PDB file of N, CA and C in Angstrom:
ATOM      1  N   MET A   1      -1.870   6.384-110.340  1.00  0.00           N
ATOM      2  CA  MET A   1      -1.912   6.647-109.317  1.00  0.00           C
ATOM      3  C   MET A   1      -3.047   5.770-108.259  1.00  0.00           C
ATOM      4  N   SER A   2      -2.633   5.088-107.295  1.00  0.00           N
ATOM      5  CA  SER A   2      -3.447   4.213-106.295  1.00  0.00           C
ATOM      6  C   SER A   2      -3.749   4.631-104.904  1.00  0.00           C
ATOM      7  N   THR A   3      -4.960   4.766-104.563  1.00  0.00           N
ATOM      8  CA  THR A   3      -5.386   5.424-103.201  1.00  0.00           C
ATOM      9  C   THR A   3      -4.376   4.420-101.950  1.00  0.00           C
ATOM     10  N   PRO A   4      -4.560   5.021-101.428  1.00  0.00           N
ATOM     11  CA  PRO A   4      -3.434   4.791-100.194  1.00  0.00           C
ATOM     12  C   PRO A   4      -4.709   3.931 -99.049  1.00  0.00           C
ATOM     13  N   LYS A   5      -4.258   2.791 -99.009  1.00  0.00           N
ATOM     14  CA  LYS A   5      -5.027   2.344 -97.726  1.00  0.00           C
ATOM     15  C   LYS A   5      -5.174   2.626 -96.448  1.00  0.00           C
ATOM     16  N   MET A   6      -6.134   2.307 -95.614  1.00  0.00           N
ATOM     17  CA  MET A   6      -6.386   3.094 -94.036  1.00  0.00           C
ATOM     18  C   MET A   6      -5.672   1.840 -93.593  1.00  0.00           C
ATOM     19  N   LEU A   7      -5.266   2.043 -92.390  1.00  0.00           N
ATOM     20  CA  LEU A   7      -5.129   1.224 -91.057  1.00  0.00           C
ATOM     21  C   LEU A   7      -6.409   0.450 -90.108  1.00  0.00           C
ATOM     22  N   SER A   8      -6.028  -0.242 -90.250  1.00  0.00           N
ATOM     23  CA  SER A   8      -7.367  -1.093 -88.907  1.00  0.00           C
ATOM     24  C   SER A   8      -7.221   0.095 -87.790  1.00  0.00           C
ATOM     25  N   ILE A   9      -8.306  -0.075 -87.098  1.00  0.00           N
ATOM     26  CA  ILE A   9      -8.456   0.586 -85.640  1.00  0.00           C
ATOM     27  C   ILE A   9      -7.607  -0.591 -84.760  1.00  0.00           C
ATOM     28  N   TRP A  10      -7.330  -2.148 -85.317  1.00  0.00           N
ATOM     29  CA  TRP A  10      -6.919  -2.649 -83.794  1.00  0.00           C
ATOM     30  C   TRP A  10      -5.217  -2.499 -84.492  1.00  0.00           C
ATOM     31  N   PHE A  11      -4.937  -2.170 -85.526  1.00  0.00           N
ATOM     32  CA  PHE A  11      -3.429  -2.012 -85.593  1.00  0.00           C
ATOM     33  C   PHE A  11      -3.160  -0.802 -84.549  1.00  0.00           C
ATOM     34  N   PHE A  12      -4.110   0.584 -83.887  1.00  0.00           N
ATOM     35  CA  PHE A  12      -3.569   1.322 -83.261  1.00  0.00           C
ATOM     36  C   PHE A  12      -3.895   0.759 -81.599  1.00  0.00           C
ATOM     37  N   VAL A  13      -4.735  -0.300 -81.500  1.00  0.00           N
ATOM     38  CA  VAL A  13      -4.938  -0.796 -80.065  1.00  0.00           C
ATOM     39  C   VAL A  13      -3.641  -1.852 -79.778  1.00  0.00           C
ATOM     40  N   GLY A  14      -3.192  -2.640 -80.983  1.00  0.00           N
ATOM     41  CA  GLY A  14      -1.986  -3.051 -80.647  1.00  0.00           C
ATOM     42  C   GLY A  14      -0.863  -2.337 -80.428  1.00  0.00           C
ATOM     43  N   LEU A  15      -0.821  -1.008 -81.025  1.00  0.00           N
ATOM     44  CA  LEU A  15       0.135  -0.366 -80.973  1.00  0.00           C
ATOM     45  C   LEU A  15       0.414   0.089 -79.260  1.00  0.00           C
ATOM     46  N   MET A  16      -1.122   0.375 -79.078  1.00  0.00           N
ATOM     47  CA  MET A  16      -1.069   1.452 -77.439  1.00  0.00           C
ATOM     48  C   MET A  16      -1.124  -0.084 -76.455  1.00  0.00           C
ATOM     49  N   LEU A  17      -0.973  -0.951 -76.845  1.00  0.00           N
ATOM     50  CA  LEU A  17      -0.923  -2.058 -75.964  1.00  0.00           C
ATOM     51  C   LEU A  17       0.699  -2.244 -75.806  1.00  0.00           C
ATOM     52  N   THR A  18       1.313  -2.481 -77.044  1.00  0.00           N
ATOM     53  CA  THR A  18       2.777  -3.116 -77.282  1.00  0.00           C
ATOM     54  C   THR A  18       3.160  -2.082 -76.348  1.00  0.00           C
ATOM     55  N   ILE A  19       3.172  -0.551 -76.665  1.00  0.00           N
ATOM     56  CA  ILE A  19       4.138   0.600 -76.009  1.00  0.00           C
ATOM     57  C   ILE A  19       3.860   0.581 -74.559  1.00  0.00           C
ATOM     58  N   LEU A  20       2.733   0.710 -73.889  1.00  0.00           N
ATOM     59  CA  LEU A  20       2.595   0.334 -72.474  1.00  0.00           C
ATOM     60  C   LEU A  20       2.613  -0.656 -71.793  1.00  0.00           C
ATOM     61  N   GLY A  21       2.450  -1.938 -72.492  1.00  0.00           N
ATOM     62  CA  GLY A  21       3.431  -3.113 -71.771  1.00  0.00           C
ATOM     63  C   GLY A  21       4.691  -3.205 -71.815  1.00  0.00           C
ATOM     64  N   ALA A  22       5.553  -2.562 -72.992  1.00  0.00           N
ATOM     65  CA  ALA A  22       6.698  -2.544 -72.831  1.00  0.00           C
ATOM     66  C   ALA A  22       7.309  -1.094 -72.109  1.00  0.00           C
ATOM     67  N   LEU A  23       6.561  -0.527 -71.483  1.00  0.00           N
ATOM     68  CA  LEU A  23       7.384   0.519 -70.434  1.00  0.00           C
ATOM     69  C   LEU A  23       6.611  -0.266 -69.203  1.00  0.00           C
ATOM     70  N   ILE A  24       5.568  -0.747 -68.758  1.00  0.00           N
ATOM     71  CA  ILE A  24       5.059  -1.647 -67.803  1.00  0.00           C
ATOM     72  C   ILE A  24       6.182  -2.472 -67.433  1.00  0.00           C
ATOM     73  N   LEU A  25       6.615  -3.494 -68.095  1.00  0.00           N
ATOM     74  CA  LEU A  25       7.354  -4.574 -68.680  1.00  0.00           C
ATOM     75  C   LEU A  25       8.811  -3.870 -68.026  1.00  0.00           C
ATOM     76  N   ALA A  26       9.062  -2.816 -68.357  1.00  0.00           N
ATOM     77  CA  ALA A  26      10.648  -2.448 -68.459  1.00  0.00           C
ATOM     78  C   ALA A  26      10.202  -2.150 -66.829  1.00  0.00           C
ATOM     79  N   MET A  27       9.377  -1.254 -66.364  1.00  0.00           N
ATOM     80  CA  MET A  27       9.598  -0.796 -64.947  1.00  0.00           C
ATOM     81  C   MET A  27       9.500  -2.243 -63.874  1.00  0.00           C
ATOM     82  N   GLY A  28       8.778  -3.401 -64.536  1.00  0.00           N
ATOM     83  CA  GLY A  28       8.909  -4.572 -63.559  1.00  0.00           C
ATOM     84  C   GLY A  28       9.769  -4.660 -63.429  1.00  0.00           C
ATOM     85  N   ILE A  29      10.533  -5.112 -64.751  1.00  0.00           N
ATOM     86  CA  ILE A  29      12.196  -5.005 -64.471  1.00  0.00           C
ATOM     87  C   ILE A  29      13.108  -5.010 -63.422  1.00  0.00           C
ATOM     88  N   TYR A  30      12.753  -3.317 -63.986  1.00  0.00           N
ATOM     89  CA  TYR A  30      13.430  -2.540 -62.317  1.00  0.00           C
ATOM     90  C   TYR A  30      13.248  -2.751 -61.482  1.00  0.00           C
ATOM     91  N   TYR A  31      11.792  -2.776 -60.930  1.00  0.00           N
ATOM     92  CA  TYR A  31      11.555  -2.902 -59.508  1.00  0.00           C
ATOM     93  C   TYR A  31      11.835  -4.440 -58.995  1.00  0.00           C
ATOM     94  N   ALA A  32      11.912  -5.450 -59.881  1.00  0.00           N
ATOM     95  CA  ALA A  32      12.100  -6.921 -59.458  1.00  0.00           C
ATOM     96  C   ALA A  32      13.961  -6.746 -59.088  1.00  0.00           C
ATOM     97  N   PHE A  33      14.643  -5.893 -59.606  1.00  0.00           N
ATOM     98  CA  PHE A  33      16.365  -5.693 -58.878  1.00  0.00           C
ATOM     99  C   PHE A  33      16.136  -4.438 -58.110  1.00  0.00           C
ATOM    100  N   VAL A  34      15.479  -3.720 -57.851  1.00  0.00           N
ATOM    101  CA  VAL A  34      15.577  -2.479 -56.889  1.00  0.00           C
ATOM    102  C   VAL A  34      14.057  -2.517 -56.824  1.00  0.00           C
ATOM    103  N   PRO A  35      13.721  -3.309 -55.542  1.00  0.00           N
ATOM    104  CA  PRO A  35      12.608  -2.750 -54.620  1.00  0.00           C
ATOM    105  C   PRO A  35      12.161  -1.701 -53.860  1.00  0.00           C
ATOM    106  N   GLN A  36      11.205  -0.765 -54.441  1.00  0.00           N
ATOM    107  CA  GLN A  36      10.582   0.293 -53.711  1.00  0.00           C
ATOM    108  C   GLN A  36       9.799   0.368 -52.557  1.00  0.00           C
ATOM    109  N   THR A  37       8.714  -0.407 -52.373  1.00  0.00           N
ATOM    110  CA  THR A  37       8.210  -0.589 -51.339  1.00  0.00           C
ATOM    111  C   THR A  37       7.897  -1.987 -50.998  1.00  0.00           C
ATOM    112  N   ARG A  38       7.393  -2.003 -49.800  1.00  0.00           N
ATOM    113  CA  ARG A  38       7.313  -3.657 -49.821  1.00  0.00           C
ATOM    114  C   ARG A  38       5.753  -4.166 -49.202  1.00  0.00           C
ATOM    115  N   THR A  39       5.061  -4.485 -50.298  1.00  0.00           N
ATOM    116  CA  THR A  39       3.461  -4.477 -50.122  1.00  0.00           C
ATOM    117  C   THR A  39       3.402  -6.150 -50.042  1.00  0.00           C
ATOM    118  N   VAL A  40       2.246  -6.586 -49.583  1.00  0.00           N
ATOM    119  CA  VAL A  40       1.767  -7.968 -49.249  1.00  0.00           C
ATOM    120  C   VAL A  40       2.300  -9.026 -50.328  1.00  0.00           C
ATOM    121  N   LEU A  41       1.945  -8.623 -51.402  1.00  0.00           N
ATOM    122  CA  LEU A  41       2.319  -9.410 -52.904  1.00  0.00           C
ATOM    123  C   LEU A  41       3.156  -8.961 -53.749  1.00  0.00           C
ATOM    124  N   ALA A  42       4.277  -8.564 -53.245  1.00  0.00           N
ATOM    125  CA  ALA A  42       5.145  -7.276 -53.974  1.00  0.00           C
ATOM    126  C   ALA A  42       6.425  -8.687 -55.068  1.00  0.00           C
ATOM    127  N   HIS A  43       6.257  -9.702 -54.080  1.00  0.00           N
ATOM    128  CA  HIS A  43       6.750 -11.084 -54.559  1.00  0.00           C
ATOM    129  C   HIS A  43       6.747 -11.599 -55.582  1.00  0.00           C
ATOM    130  N   LEU A  44       5.455 -11.356 -55.853  1.00  0.00           N
ATOM    131  CA  LEU A  44       4.588 -11.800 -57.423  1.00  0.00           C
ATOM    132  C   LEU A  44       5.094 -10.826 -58.629  1.00  0.00           C
ATOM    133  N   ASN A  45       5.378  -9.905 -58.465  1.00  0.00           N
ATOM    134  CA  ASN A  45       5.906  -9.181 -59.331  1.00  0.00           C
ATOM    135  C   ASN A  45       4.918  -8.478 -60.597  1.00  0.00           C
ATOM    136  N   PRO A  46       3.816  -7.854 -59.383  1.00  0.00           N
ATOM    137  CA  PRO A  46       2.629  -7.919 -60.860  1.00  0.00           C
ATOM    138  C   PRO A  46       2.840  -7.255 -62.347  1.00  0.00           C
ATOM    139  N   SER A  47       3.771  -6.018 -61.974  1.00  0.00           N
ATOM    140  CA  SER A  47       3.846  -5.425 -62.882  1.00  0.00           C
ATOM    141  C   SER A  47       5.268  -5.960 -63.921  1.00  0.00           C
ATOM    142  N   LEU A  48       5.653  -6.891 -63.678  1.00  0.00           N
ATOM    143  CA  LEU A  48       6.111  -7.370 -64.399  1.00  0.00           C
ATOM    144  C   LEU A  48       5.389  -8.573 -65.275  1.00  0.00           C
ATOM    145  N   TRP A  49       4.746  -9.331 -64.785  1.00  0.00           N
ATOM    146  CA  TRP A  49       3.349 -10.113 -65.320  1.00  0.00           C
ATOM    147  C   TRP A  49       2.624  -9.406 -66.647  1.00  0.00           C
ATOM    148  N   TRP A  50       2.016  -8.400 -65.771  1.00  0.00           N
ATOM    149  CA  TRP A  50       1.134  -7.725 -66.632  1.00  0.00           C
ATOM    150  C   TRP A  50       1.608  -6.886 -67.853  1.00  0.00           C
ATOM    151  N   GLY A  51       3.075  -6.434 -67.577  1.00  0.00           N
ATOM    152  CA  GLY A  51       3.542  -5.835 -68.964  1.00  0.00           C
ATOM    153  C   GLY A  51       3.643  -7.044 -69.938  1.00  0.00           C
ATOM    154  N   ALA A  52       4.508  -8.204 -69.352  1.00  0.00           N
ATOM    155  CA  ALA A  52       4.399  -9.097 -70.505  1.00  0.00           C
ATOM    156  C   ALA A  52       3.306  -9.534 -70.928  1.00  0.00           C
ATOM    157  N   ILE A  53       1.928  -9.716 -70.293  1.00  0.00           N
ATOM    158  CA  ILE A  53       0.900  -9.939 -71.132  1.00  0.00           C
ATOM    159  C   ILE A  53       0.300  -9.001 -71.969  1.00  0.00           C
ATOM    160  N   MET A  54       0.534  -7.774 -71.749  1.00  0.00           N
ATOM    161  CA  MET A  54       0.229  -6.838 -72.449  1.00  0.00           C
ATOM    162  C   MET A  54       0.951  -6.674 -73.941  1.00  0.00           C
ATOM    163  N   LEU A  55       2.531  -6.920 -73.456  1.00  0.00           N
ATOM    164  CA  LEU A  55       3.106  -6.723 -74.480  1.00  0.00           C
ATOM    165  C   LEU A  55       2.801  -7.956 -75.749  1.00  0.00           C
ATOM    166  N   VAL A  56       2.369  -8.994 -75.570  1.00  0.00           N
ATOM    167  CA  VAL A  56       2.519  -9.969 -75.966  1.00  0.00           C
ATOM    168  C   VAL A  56       0.980  -9.725 -76.831  1.00  0.00           C
ATOM    169  N   ALA A  57      -0.186  -9.282 -76.272  1.00  0.00           N
ATOM    170  CA  ALA A  57      -1.361  -9.370 -76.672  1.00  0.00           C
ATOM    171  C   ALA A  57      -1.275  -8.105 -77.679  1.00  0.00           C
ATOM    172  N   GLY A  58      -0.835  -7.308 -77.351  1.00  0.00           N
ATOM    173  CA  GLY A  58      -0.109  -5.756 -78.587  1.00  0.00           C
ATOM    174  C   GLY A  58       0.381  -6.241 -79.474  1.00  0.00           C
ATOM    175  N   LEU A  59       1.345  -7.302 -79.432  1.00  0.00           N
ATOM    176  CA  LEU A  59       1.956  -7.496 -80.648  1.00  0.00           C
ATOM    177  C   LEU A  59       0.936  -8.602 -81.216  1.00  0.00           C
ATOM    178  N   LEU A  60       0.416  -9.520 -80.745  1.00  0.00           N
ATOM    179  CA  LEU A  60      -0.982 -10.102 -81.395  1.00  0.00           C
ATOM    180  C   LEU A  60      -1.996  -9.147 -82.103  1.00  0.00           C
ATOM    181  N   PHE A  61      -2.484  -8.425 -81.461  1.00  0.00           N
ATOM    182  CA  PHE A  61      -2.971  -7.358 -82.092  1.00  0.00           C
ATOM    183  C   PHE A  61      -2.265  -6.424 -83.593  1.00  0.00           C
ATOM    184  N   LEU A  62      -1.045  -6.405 -83.761  1.00  0.00           N
ATOM    185  CA  LEU A  62      -0.090  -5.052 -84.031  1.00  0.00           C
ATOM    186  C   LEU A  62       0.362  -6.140 -85.159  1.00  0.00           C
ATOM    187  N   VAL A  63       0.843  -7.158 -85.216  1.00  0.00           N
ATOM    188  CA  VAL A  63       1.317  -7.566 -86.234  1.00  0.00           C
ATOM    189  C   VAL A  63       0.483  -8.202 -87.419  1.00  0.00           C
ATOM    190  N   PRO A  64      -0.477  -8.973 -87.201  1.00  0.00           N
ATOM    191  CA  PRO A  64      -1.375  -9.285 -87.921  1.00  0.00           C
ATOM    192  C   PRO A  64      -2.215  -7.986 -89.239  1.00  0.00           C
ATOM    193  N   SER A  65      -2.299  -7.226 -88.257  1.00  0.00           N
ATOM    194  CA  SER A  65      -3.127  -6.255 -88.981  1.00  0.00           C
ATOM    195  C   SER A  65      -2.152  -5.177 -89.764  1.00  0.00           C
ATOM    196  N   TRP A  66      -0.648  -5.439 -89.455  1.00  0.00           N
ATOM    197  CA  TRP A  66       0.195  -4.787 -90.453  1.00  0.00           C
ATOM    198  C   TRP A  66       0.575  -5.547 -91.551  1.00  0.00           C
ATOM    199  N   ILE A  67       0.650  -6.902 -91.177  1.00  0.00           N
ATOM    200  CA  ILE A  67       0.363  -7.734 -92.012  1.00  0.00           C
ATOM    201  C   ILE A  67      -0.378  -7.365 -93.553  1.00  0.00           C
ATOM    202  N   GLN A  68      -1.644  -7.583 -93.237  1.00  0.00           N
ATOM    203  CA  GLN A  68      -3.156  -7.505 -93.691  1.00  0.00           C
ATOM    204  C   GLN A  68      -2.727  -6.013 -94.497  1.00  0.00           C
ATOM    205  N   HIS A  69      -2.239  -4.809 -94.051  1.00  0.00           N
ATOM    206  CA  HIS A  69      -1.986  -3.328 -94.565  1.00  0.00           C
ATOM    207  C   HIS A  69      -1.443  -3.511 -95.706  1.00  0.00           C
ATOM    208  N   ASN A  70       0.013  -4.508 -95.324  1.00  0.00           N
ATOM    209  CA  ASN A  70       0.969  -4.366 -96.595  1.00  0.00           C
ATOM    210  C   ASN A  70       0.635  -5.101 -97.860  1.00  0.00           C
ATOM    211  N   LYS A  71      -0.487  -6.178 -97.686  1.00  0.00           N
ATOM    212  CA  LYS A  71      -0.568  -7.071 -99.029  1.00  0.00           C
ATOM    213  C   LYS A  71      -1.433  -6.083-100.056  1.00  0.00           C
TER     214      LYS A  71
END
């Protein structure tokens, strides 16, 4: 019987960024269609952009660490 391999810390960082990025991206998509408040830079949709950036960054951490774990 072999010992189980431990997951890297970058897996959990990527998981957290992916989950939070998906939530913020979904909120940004919702606010793009149903604007709640009018601020000066609301037309730039910062939650949409930052959610997408966090989602991509999370996947860049998550996928390689998962592949490395399964080798």
